[in-house]
């Protein structure tokens, strides 16, 4: 099993970062706590991306469950476009996500395969245990 992070949270994410357009990769819990980042992104930037991606993921999950959406399907991935950048936010494992920031243009199909590869390689290391409930 591939380790998720070193002491400083940096991980290569080689399958993803080999794509020229990729500028940052962050793995985080669904509630926005970063636990791994690519070396192209600082700790502070990774924390911000994790928080932002958590919000986008939450919104996408809510829309997918809304009866007016006509979708009634689980969220898998969303893409946000801003300026000359794209952000791909994807569910990674139980209660976790991955966000990849790219410049345009990017081959989304290749990026999707690379994200699948990294998520599969990391497997259960991306799962985040549920929070304990208090009586």
N, C-alpha and C. Protein backbone atom coordinates (compact mmCIF):
# COMPACT_ATOMS: atom_id res chain seq x y z
N UNK A 1 0.85 -1.18 0.00
CA UNK A 1 0.00 0.00 0.00
C UNK A 1 0.88 1.23 0.00
N UNK A 2 0.56 2.21 -0.80
CA UNK A 2 1.32 3.45 -0.90
C UNK A 2 1.04 4.32 0.32
N UNK A 3 2.09 4.89 0.87
CA UNK A 3 1.91 5.81 2.00
C UNK A 3 1.31 7.11 1.50
N UNK A 4 0.50 7.74 2.33
CA UNK A 4 -0.19 8.95 1.90
C UNK A 4 0.66 10.20 2.07
N UNK A 5 1.49 10.30 3.06
CA UNK A 5 2.18 11.56 3.27
C UNK A 5 3.46 11.37 4.07
N UNK A 6 4.35 12.34 3.97
CA UNK A 6 5.53 12.39 4.80
C UNK A 6 5.23 13.32 5.97
N UNK A 7 6.25 13.63 6.75
CA UNK A 7 6.03 14.48 7.93
C UNK A 7 5.44 15.84 7.58
N UNK A 8 5.79 16.39 6.42
CA UNK A 8 5.29 17.71 6.06
C UNK A 8 4.04 17.64 5.18
N UNK A 9 3.49 16.44 4.98
CA UNK A 9 2.26 16.29 4.20
C UNK A 9 2.48 16.25 2.70
N UNK A 10 3.75 16.28 2.24
CA UNK A 10 4.02 16.28 0.81
C UNK A 10 4.00 14.85 0.28
N UNK A 11 3.38 14.67 -0.86
CA UNK A 11 3.32 13.39 -1.55
C UNK A 11 3.47 13.68 -3.04
N UNK A 12 4.04 12.75 -3.78
CA UNK A 12 4.35 13.03 -5.18
C UNK A 12 3.11 13.07 -6.08
N UNK A 13 2.10 12.25 -5.83
CA UNK A 13 0.93 12.16 -6.71
C UNK A 13 1.40 12.04 -8.16
N UNK A 14 2.41 11.19 -8.40
CA UNK A 14 3.10 11.09 -9.68
C UNK A 14 2.18 10.91 -10.87
N UNK A 15 1.16 10.08 -10.76
CA UNK A 15 0.26 9.85 -11.89
C UNK A 15 -0.44 11.13 -12.33
N UNK A 16 -0.68 12.03 -11.36
CA UNK A 16 -1.38 13.28 -11.66
C UNK A 16 -0.41 14.38 -12.05
N UNK A 17 0.66 14.55 -11.27
CA UNK A 17 1.55 15.69 -11.50
C UNK A 17 2.39 15.56 -12.76
N UNK A 18 2.42 14.40 -13.38
CA UNK A 18 3.13 14.25 -14.66
C UNK A 18 2.39 14.96 -15.79
N UNK A 19 1.12 15.32 -15.58
CA UNK A 19 0.33 16.04 -16.57
C UNK A 19 0.73 17.51 -16.48
N UNK A 20 1.20 18.06 -17.60
CA UNK A 20 1.77 19.42 -17.62
C UNK A 20 0.87 20.50 -17.03
N UNK A 21 -0.41 20.42 -17.26
CA UNK A 21 -1.32 21.48 -16.83
C UNK A 21 -1.58 21.49 -15.32
N UNK A 22 -1.22 20.42 -14.61
CA UNK A 22 -1.51 20.32 -13.18
C UNK A 22 -0.63 21.27 -12.39
N UNK A 23 -1.27 22.05 -11.50
CA UNK A 23 -0.58 23.02 -10.67
C UNK A 23 -0.60 22.65 -9.19
N UNK A 24 -1.57 21.86 -8.76
CA UNK A 24 -1.66 21.49 -7.35
C UNK A 24 -2.55 20.27 -7.18
N UNK A 25 -2.21 19.44 -6.19
CA UNK A 25 -3.04 18.30 -5.81
C UNK A 25 -3.12 18.29 -4.30
N UNK A 26 -4.32 18.13 -3.78
CA UNK A 26 -4.53 18.07 -2.33
C UNK A 26 -5.51 16.95 -2.03
N UNK A 27 -5.19 16.15 -1.02
CA UNK A 27 -6.12 15.15 -0.49
C UNK A 27 -6.55 15.64 0.88
N UNK A 28 -7.84 15.52 1.16
CA UNK A 28 -8.38 16.06 2.41
C UNK A 28 -9.57 15.26 2.88
N UNK A 29 -9.92 15.48 4.12
CA UNK A 29 -11.15 14.89 4.64
C UNK A 29 -12.33 15.67 4.04
N UNK A 30 -13.49 15.07 4.07
CA UNK A 30 -14.68 15.71 3.51
C UNK A 30 -15.00 17.03 4.21
N UNK A 31 -14.56 17.19 5.45
CA UNK A 31 -14.81 18.45 6.15
C UNK A 31 -13.67 19.45 6.00
N UNK A 32 -12.74 19.18 5.07
CA UNK A 32 -11.76 20.18 4.68
C UNK A 32 -10.43 20.17 5.40
N UNK A 33 -10.10 19.09 6.09
CA UNK A 33 -8.81 19.01 6.77
C UNK A 33 -7.81 18.31 5.83
N UNK A 34 -6.78 19.07 5.39
CA UNK A 34 -5.79 18.54 4.45
C UNK A 34 -4.93 17.49 5.15
N UNK A 35 -4.65 16.38 4.44
CA UNK A 35 -3.69 15.43 4.96
C UNK A 35 -2.59 15.08 3.97
N UNK A 36 -2.66 15.56 2.75
CA UNK A 36 -1.55 15.38 1.80
C UNK A 36 -1.65 16.46 0.74
N UNK A 37 -0.48 16.85 0.21
CA UNK A 37 -0.42 17.88 -0.82
C UNK A 37 0.75 17.57 -1.74
N UNK A 38 0.64 18.05 -2.98
CA UNK A 38 1.77 17.94 -3.90
C UNK A 38 2.76 19.03 -3.56
N UNK A 39 4.01 18.85 -3.97
CA UNK A 39 5.02 19.81 -3.60
C UNK A 39 4.88 21.15 -4.31
N UNK A 40 4.03 21.24 -5.34
CA UNK A 40 3.82 22.51 -6.05
C UNK A 40 3.00 23.50 -5.24
N UNK A 41 2.39 23.07 -4.16
CA UNK A 41 1.49 23.94 -3.40
C UNK A 41 2.00 24.06 -1.96
N UNK A 42 1.95 25.28 -1.43
CA UNK A 42 2.42 25.52 -0.06
C UNK A 42 1.41 24.94 0.94
N UNK A 43 1.84 24.85 2.17
CA UNK A 43 0.95 24.35 3.23
C UNK A 43 -0.29 25.22 3.34
N UNK A 44 -0.11 26.54 3.37
CA UNK A 44 -1.25 27.46 3.50
C UNK A 44 -2.19 27.35 2.30
N UNK A 45 -1.62 27.29 1.08
CA UNK A 45 -2.45 27.14 -0.11
C UNK A 45 -3.21 25.81 -0.09
N UNK A 46 -2.55 24.76 0.37
CA UNK A 46 -3.18 23.44 0.43
C UNK A 46 -4.33 23.45 1.44
N UNK A 47 -4.13 24.12 2.57
CA UNK A 47 -5.21 24.23 3.57
C UNK A 47 -6.41 24.96 2.98
N UNK A 48 -6.13 26.05 2.24
CA UNK A 48 -7.21 26.82 1.62
C UNK A 48 -7.93 25.98 0.57
N UNK A 49 -7.18 25.27 -0.28
CA UNK A 49 -7.80 24.42 -1.30
C UNK A 49 -8.65 23.32 -0.68
N UNK A 50 -8.16 22.73 0.40
CA UNK A 50 -8.91 21.66 1.08
C UNK A 50 -10.23 22.19 1.62
N UNK A 51 -10.19 23.36 2.24
CA UNK A 51 -11.40 23.98 2.78
C UNK A 51 -12.38 24.32 1.66
N UNK A 52 -11.87 24.94 0.61
CA UNK A 52 -12.69 25.32 -0.54
C UNK A 52 -13.32 24.09 -1.19
N UNK A 53 -12.51 23.04 -1.41
CA UNK A 53 -13.00 21.82 -2.05
C UNK A 53 -14.07 21.14 -1.20
N UNK A 54 -13.91 21.21 0.11
CA UNK A 54 -14.91 20.64 1.01
C UNK A 54 -16.26 21.33 0.83
N UNK A 55 -16.23 22.65 0.67
CA UNK A 55 -17.46 23.41 0.45
C UNK A 55 -18.11 23.04 -0.88
N UNK A 56 -17.29 22.95 -1.93
CA UNK A 56 -17.81 22.56 -3.25
C UNK A 56 -18.40 21.16 -3.19
N UNK A 57 -17.70 20.24 -2.53
CA UNK A 57 -18.18 18.86 -2.40
C UNK A 57 -19.52 18.83 -1.66
N UNK A 58 -19.62 19.59 -0.58
CA UNK A 58 -20.86 19.64 0.18
C UNK A 58 -22.02 20.16 -0.64
N UNK A 59 -21.78 21.21 -1.41
CA UNK A 59 -22.81 21.78 -2.27
C UNK A 59 -23.24 20.76 -3.33
N UNK A 60 -22.27 20.09 -3.95
CA UNK A 60 -22.59 19.09 -4.98
C UNK A 60 -23.37 17.92 -4.39
N UNK A 61 -23.01 17.49 -3.19
CA UNK A 61 -23.77 16.42 -2.54
C UNK A 61 -25.21 16.86 -2.27
N UNK A 62 -25.39 18.08 -1.80
CA UNK A 62 -26.73 18.58 -1.50
C UNK A 62 -27.58 18.68 -2.76
N UNK A 63 -27.00 19.18 -3.84
CA UNK A 63 -27.74 19.30 -5.10
C UNK A 63 -28.15 17.92 -5.61
N UNK A 64 -27.25 16.96 -5.49
CA UNK A 64 -27.53 15.60 -5.96
C UNK A 64 -28.67 14.93 -5.20
N UNK A 65 -28.90 15.38 -3.97
CA UNK A 65 -29.98 14.79 -3.16
C UNK A 65 -31.28 15.59 -3.24
N UNK A 66 -31.24 16.75 -3.84
CA UNK A 66 -32.42 17.61 -3.87
C UNK A 66 -33.45 17.05 -4.84
N UNK A 67 -34.73 16.94 -4.43
CA UNK A 67 -35.74 16.35 -5.31
C UNK A 67 -35.97 17.15 -6.60
N UNK A 68 -35.70 18.45 -6.59
CA UNK A 68 -35.92 19.25 -7.80
C UNK A 68 -34.81 19.06 -8.83
N UNK A 69 -33.69 18.48 -8.42
CA UNK A 69 -32.57 18.33 -9.35
C UNK A 69 -32.86 17.27 -10.41
N UNK A 70 -33.73 16.32 -10.06
CA UNK A 70 -34.03 15.24 -11.00
C UNK A 70 -32.88 14.26 -11.14
N UNK A 71 -31.85 14.44 -10.36
CA UNK A 71 -30.66 13.60 -10.50
C UNK A 71 -30.75 12.39 -9.58
N UNK A 72 -30.89 12.65 -8.29
CA UNK A 72 -30.96 11.59 -7.28
C UNK A 72 -29.81 10.59 -7.41
N UNK A 73 -28.63 11.09 -7.70
CA UNK A 73 -27.45 10.23 -7.79
C UNK A 73 -26.37 10.79 -6.87
N UNK A 74 -25.47 9.92 -6.51
CA UNK A 74 -24.39 10.33 -5.63
C UNK A 74 -23.38 11.20 -6.38
N UNK A 75 -22.83 12.17 -5.68
CA UNK A 75 -21.78 13.03 -6.23
C UNK A 75 -20.52 12.20 -6.46
N UNK A 76 -19.89 12.41 -7.58
CA UNK A 76 -18.61 11.78 -7.86
C UNK A 76 -17.54 12.84 -8.09
N UNK A 77 -17.80 13.79 -8.98
CA UNK A 77 -16.81 14.81 -9.32
C UNK A 77 -17.51 16.06 -9.81
N UNK A 78 -16.89 17.20 -9.55
CA UNK A 78 -17.35 18.45 -10.13
C UNK A 78 -16.14 19.23 -10.62
N UNK A 79 -16.35 20.07 -11.61
CA UNK A 79 -15.29 20.90 -12.17
C UNK A 79 -15.72 22.35 -12.05
N UNK A 80 -14.82 23.18 -11.55
CA UNK A 80 -15.09 24.59 -11.41
C UNK A 80 -14.09 25.33 -12.29
N UNK A 81 -14.60 26.25 -13.11
CA UNK A 81 -13.74 27.03 -14.00
C UNK A 81 -13.66 28.45 -13.48
N UNK A 82 -12.45 28.97 -13.40
CA UNK A 82 -12.26 30.36 -13.00
C UNK A 82 -11.01 30.89 -13.69
N UNK A 83 -11.21 31.96 -14.45
CA UNK A 83 -10.09 32.52 -15.21
C UNK A 83 -9.51 31.49 -16.16
N UNK A 84 -8.20 31.33 -16.08
CA UNK A 84 -7.55 30.34 -16.95
C UNK A 84 -7.26 29.03 -16.21
N UNK A 85 -7.97 28.79 -15.11
CA UNK A 85 -7.77 27.59 -14.30
C UNK A 85 -9.03 26.74 -14.21
N UNK A 86 -8.81 25.47 -13.91
CA UNK A 86 -9.89 24.53 -13.62
C UNK A 86 -9.58 23.84 -12.31
N UNK A 87 -10.59 23.56 -11.52
CA UNK A 87 -10.43 22.79 -10.30
C UNK A 87 -11.33 21.57 -10.39
N UNK A 88 -10.75 20.40 -10.24
CA UNK A 88 -11.48 19.13 -10.27
C UNK A 88 -11.58 18.65 -8.83
N UNK A 89 -12.81 18.50 -8.32
CA UNK A 89 -13.04 18.05 -6.96
C UNK A 89 -13.73 16.70 -7.04
N UNK A 90 -13.14 15.69 -6.42
CA UNK A 90 -13.66 14.34 -6.54
C UNK A 90 -13.69 13.64 -5.18
N UNK A 91 -14.75 12.87 -4.95
CA UNK A 91 -14.77 11.98 -3.80
C UNK A 91 -13.64 10.98 -3.98
N UNK A 92 -12.89 10.73 -2.91
CA UNK A 92 -11.75 9.83 -3.02
C UNK A 92 -11.98 8.51 -2.31
N UNK A 93 -12.47 8.55 -1.13
CA UNK A 93 -12.76 7.34 -0.34
C UNK A 93 -13.77 7.76 0.71
N UNK A 94 -14.04 6.88 1.61
CA UNK A 94 -15.01 7.16 2.65
C UNK A 94 -14.65 8.46 3.39
N UNK A 95 -15.49 9.48 3.22
CA UNK A 95 -15.35 10.78 3.89
C UNK A 95 -14.05 11.51 3.54
N UNK A 96 -13.59 11.37 2.29
CA UNK A 96 -12.41 12.12 1.87
C UNK A 96 -12.58 12.60 0.44
N UNK A 97 -11.70 13.51 0.02
CA UNK A 97 -11.78 14.07 -1.33
C UNK A 97 -10.39 14.34 -1.87
N UNK A 98 -10.34 14.58 -3.16
CA UNK A 98 -9.11 15.01 -3.82
C UNK A 98 -9.47 16.21 -4.68
N UNK A 99 -8.63 17.23 -4.65
CA UNK A 99 -8.81 18.39 -5.51
C UNK A 99 -7.54 18.57 -6.34
N UNK A 100 -7.73 18.78 -7.63
CA UNK A 100 -6.62 19.01 -8.54
C UNK A 100 -6.86 20.34 -9.24
N UNK A 101 -5.89 21.22 -9.15
CA UNK A 101 -5.95 22.53 -9.79
C UNK A 101 -5.09 22.49 -11.04
N UNK A 102 -5.67 22.89 -12.18
CA UNK A 102 -4.95 22.86 -13.45
C UNK A 102 -5.09 24.20 -14.18
N UNK A 103 -4.23 24.40 -15.15
CA UNK A 103 -4.43 25.48 -16.10
C UNK A 103 -5.20 24.91 -17.28
N UNK A 104 -5.73 25.83 -18.11
CA UNK A 104 -6.41 25.39 -19.33
C UNK A 104 -5.45 25.55 -20.49
N UNK A 105 -5.49 24.72 -21.47
CA UNK A 105 -6.35 23.54 -21.58
C UNK A 105 -5.72 22.35 -20.85
N UNK A 106 -6.57 21.40 -20.46
CA UNK A 106 -6.12 20.15 -19.88
C UNK A 106 -6.99 19.04 -20.46
N UNK A 107 -6.40 17.90 -20.68
CA UNK A 107 -7.15 16.75 -21.16
C UNK A 107 -7.85 16.13 -19.95
N UNK A 108 -9.14 16.42 -19.80
CA UNK A 108 -9.89 15.97 -18.63
C UNK A 108 -9.97 14.45 -18.53
N UNK A 109 -10.01 13.77 -19.66
CA UNK A 109 -10.06 12.30 -19.65
C UNK A 109 -8.77 11.73 -19.07
N UNK A 110 -7.62 12.26 -19.50
CA UNK A 110 -6.34 11.80 -18.96
C UNK A 110 -6.22 12.11 -17.48
N UNK A 111 -6.67 13.30 -17.09
CA UNK A 111 -6.61 13.68 -15.69
C UNK A 111 -7.50 12.77 -14.85
N UNK A 112 -8.68 12.45 -15.34
CA UNK A 112 -9.60 11.58 -14.63
C UNK A 112 -8.98 10.20 -14.39
N UNK A 113 -8.33 9.66 -15.41
CA UNK A 113 -7.66 8.37 -15.28
C UNK A 113 -6.54 8.46 -14.24
N UNK A 114 -5.77 9.55 -14.29
CA UNK A 114 -4.68 9.73 -13.33
C UNK A 114 -5.21 9.85 -11.91
N UNK A 115 -6.32 10.57 -11.72
CA UNK A 115 -6.92 10.68 -10.40
C UNK A 115 -7.41 9.32 -9.92
N UNK A 116 -8.04 8.56 -10.80
CA UNK A 116 -8.47 7.20 -10.45
C UNK A 116 -7.28 6.35 -10.02
N UNK A 117 -6.17 6.47 -10.75
CA UNK A 117 -4.96 5.70 -10.44
C UNK A 117 -4.44 6.03 -9.05
N UNK A 118 -4.34 7.31 -8.73
CA UNK A 118 -3.85 7.72 -7.41
C UNK A 118 -4.80 7.29 -6.30
N UNK A 119 -6.09 7.47 -6.52
CA UNK A 119 -7.07 7.09 -5.50
C UNK A 119 -7.02 5.58 -5.25
N UNK A 120 -6.91 4.80 -6.32
CA UNK A 120 -6.82 3.34 -6.18
C UNK A 120 -5.53 2.93 -5.47
N UNK A 121 -4.42 3.60 -5.80
CA UNK A 121 -3.13 3.28 -5.17
C UNK A 121 -3.14 3.58 -3.68
N UNK A 122 -3.81 4.65 -3.31
CA UNK A 122 -3.86 5.05 -1.91
C UNK A 122 -4.90 4.26 -1.13
N UNK A 123 -5.93 3.82 -1.82
CA UNK A 123 -6.95 2.96 -1.22
C UNK A 123 -7.45 3.44 0.12
N UNK A 124 -7.40 2.55 1.11
CA UNK A 124 -7.91 2.83 2.44
C UNK A 124 -7.19 3.94 3.17
N UNK A 125 -5.98 4.32 2.71
CA UNK A 125 -5.27 5.42 3.36
C UNK A 125 -6.01 6.74 3.21
N UNK A 126 -6.91 6.82 2.23
CA UNK A 126 -7.69 8.05 2.06
C UNK A 126 -8.96 8.06 2.90
N UNK A 127 -9.36 6.91 3.42
CA UNK A 127 -10.58 6.85 4.22
C UNK A 127 -10.38 7.61 5.53
N UNK A 128 -11.38 8.34 5.93
CA UNK A 128 -11.34 9.12 7.16
C UNK A 128 -12.36 8.53 8.12
N UNK A 129 -11.93 8.17 9.32
CA UNK A 129 -12.88 7.58 10.27
C UNK A 129 -13.96 8.58 10.65
N UNK A 130 -15.14 8.09 10.94
CA UNK A 130 -16.23 8.95 11.36
C UNK A 130 -15.95 9.57 12.72
N UNK A 131 -16.60 10.66 12.97
CA UNK A 131 -16.42 11.33 14.26
C UNK A 131 -17.26 10.62 15.31
N UNK A 132 -16.72 10.59 16.51
CA UNK A 132 -17.45 9.99 17.62
C UNK A 132 -18.61 10.89 18.01
N UNK A 133 -19.71 10.29 18.31
CA UNK A 133 -20.86 11.08 18.77
C UNK A 133 -20.86 11.10 20.28
N UNK A 134 -21.29 12.21 20.82
CA UNK A 134 -21.36 12.31 22.27
C UNK A 134 -22.81 12.23 22.70
N UNK A 135 -23.03 11.59 23.79
CA UNK A 135 -24.42 11.43 24.27
C UNK A 135 -25.04 12.73 24.69
